[in-house]
């Protein structure tokens, strides 16, 4: 049975790397995800400021930091959450 993933892409406005990440996620056939822009959130800025874009799985806390390619995204999507 496939588990349903709830994914979030942490990103910035006007971010070239974030645009590249969106293209990679599309090529990897990533399931639907939410986009969260960190620009005006001090807590998110502190956590992700130098790391964006970051693909995050809600629940497991697993994260995939940039740079990533389609193969790494597929591996991330196929990996089981710890525990």
Protein backbone atom coordinates (compact mmCIF):
# COMPACT_ATOMS: atom_id res chain seq x y z
CA UNK A 1 0.00 0.00 0.00
CA UNK A 2 1.38 3.42 -0.93
CA UNK A 3 1.46 5.97 1.82
CA UNK A 4 0.16 9.43 1.10
CA UNK A 5 2.78 12.12 1.49
CA UNK A 6 2.06 15.67 2.52
CA UNK A 7 4.86 17.72 1.01
CA UNK A 8 5.90 21.35 1.33
CA UNK A 9 8.44 23.21 -0.77
CA UNK A 10 10.01 26.00 1.25
CA UNK A 11 11.11 28.75 -1.10
CA UNK A 12 11.52 32.49 -1.67
CA UNK A 13 9.96 34.99 -4.02
CA UNK A 14 12.13 35.79 -7.03
CA UNK A 15 14.46 32.86 -6.39
CA UNK A 16 16.21 31.38 -9.42
CA UNK A 17 17.12 28.18 -7.55
CA UNK A 18 13.51 27.80 -6.45
CA UNK A 19 12.39 28.07 -10.07
CA UNK A 20 14.90 25.36 -10.99
CA UNK A 21 13.62 23.18 -8.14
CA UNK A 22 10.03 23.52 -9.39
CA UNK A 23 11.18 22.29 -12.81
CA UNK A 24 13.01 19.33 -11.25
CA UNK A 25 9.95 18.41 -9.16
CA UNK A 26 7.79 18.45 -12.29
CA UNK A 27 10.26 16.24 -14.18
CA UNK A 28 10.34 13.83 -11.23
CA UNK A 29 6.51 13.63 -11.29
CA UNK A 30 6.42 14.79 -7.68
CA UNK A 31 2.93 14.52 -6.20
CA UNK A 32 1.06 17.67 -5.26
CA UNK A 33 2.81 19.84 -2.68
CA UNK A 34 2.25 23.13 -0.91
CA UNK A 35 4.54 26.08 -1.52
CA UNK A 36 5.57 28.09 1.53
CA UNK A 37 7.43 31.34 0.98
CA UNK A 38 9.79 32.13 3.85
CA UNK A 39 10.46 35.78 3.00
CA UNK A 40 8.27 37.42 5.64
CA UNK A 41 8.48 34.80 8.40
CA UNK A 42 11.34 35.25 10.86
CA UNK A 43 11.14 31.68 12.17
CA UNK A 44 11.17 30.12 8.70
CA UNK A 45 13.85 32.57 7.56
CA UNK A 46 16.03 31.48 10.47
CA UNK A 47 15.52 27.79 9.72
CA UNK A 48 15.60 27.79 5.90
CA UNK A 49 17.18 31.10 4.89
CA UNK A 50 20.42 29.71 3.48
CA UNK A 51 18.95 26.32 2.51
CA UNK A 52 16.03 27.09 0.19
CA UNK A 53 14.64 25.48 -1.78
CA UNK A 54 13.88 22.61 0.60
CA UNK A 55 11.34 19.83 0.03
CA UNK A 56 9.85 18.83 3.40
CA UNK A 57 7.60 15.89 4.27
CA UNK A 58 5.08 16.83 6.95
CA UNK A 59 4.80 14.18 9.64
CA UNK A 60 8.17 12.53 9.20
CA UNK A 61 10.19 15.74 9.17
CA UNK A 62 12.34 14.38 6.34
CA UNK A 63 13.85 17.06 4.14
CA UNK A 64 15.58 17.21 0.80
CA UNK A 65 17.87 20.22 0.48
CA UNK A 66 18.89 21.82 -2.78
CA UNK A 67 20.65 20.90 -4.96
CA UNK A 68 18.62 17.90 -6.06
CA UNK A 69 17.85 16.29 -9.38
CA UNK A 70 14.90 14.20 -10.53
CA UNK A 71 16.56 10.95 -9.44
CA UNK A 72 17.15 12.25 -5.90
CA UNK A 73 13.55 13.46 -5.72
CA UNK A 74 12.26 10.03 -6.81
CA UNK A 75 14.52 8.38 -4.19
CA UNK A 76 13.20 10.78 -1.54
CA UNK A 77 9.60 10.07 -2.55
CA UNK A 78 10.17 6.33 -2.52
CA UNK A 79 11.97 6.18 0.81
CA UNK A 80 10.05 5.08 3.86
CA UNK A 81 9.82 7.40 6.80
CA UNK A 82 11.89 6.30 9.80
CA UNK A 83 10.21 4.54 12.67
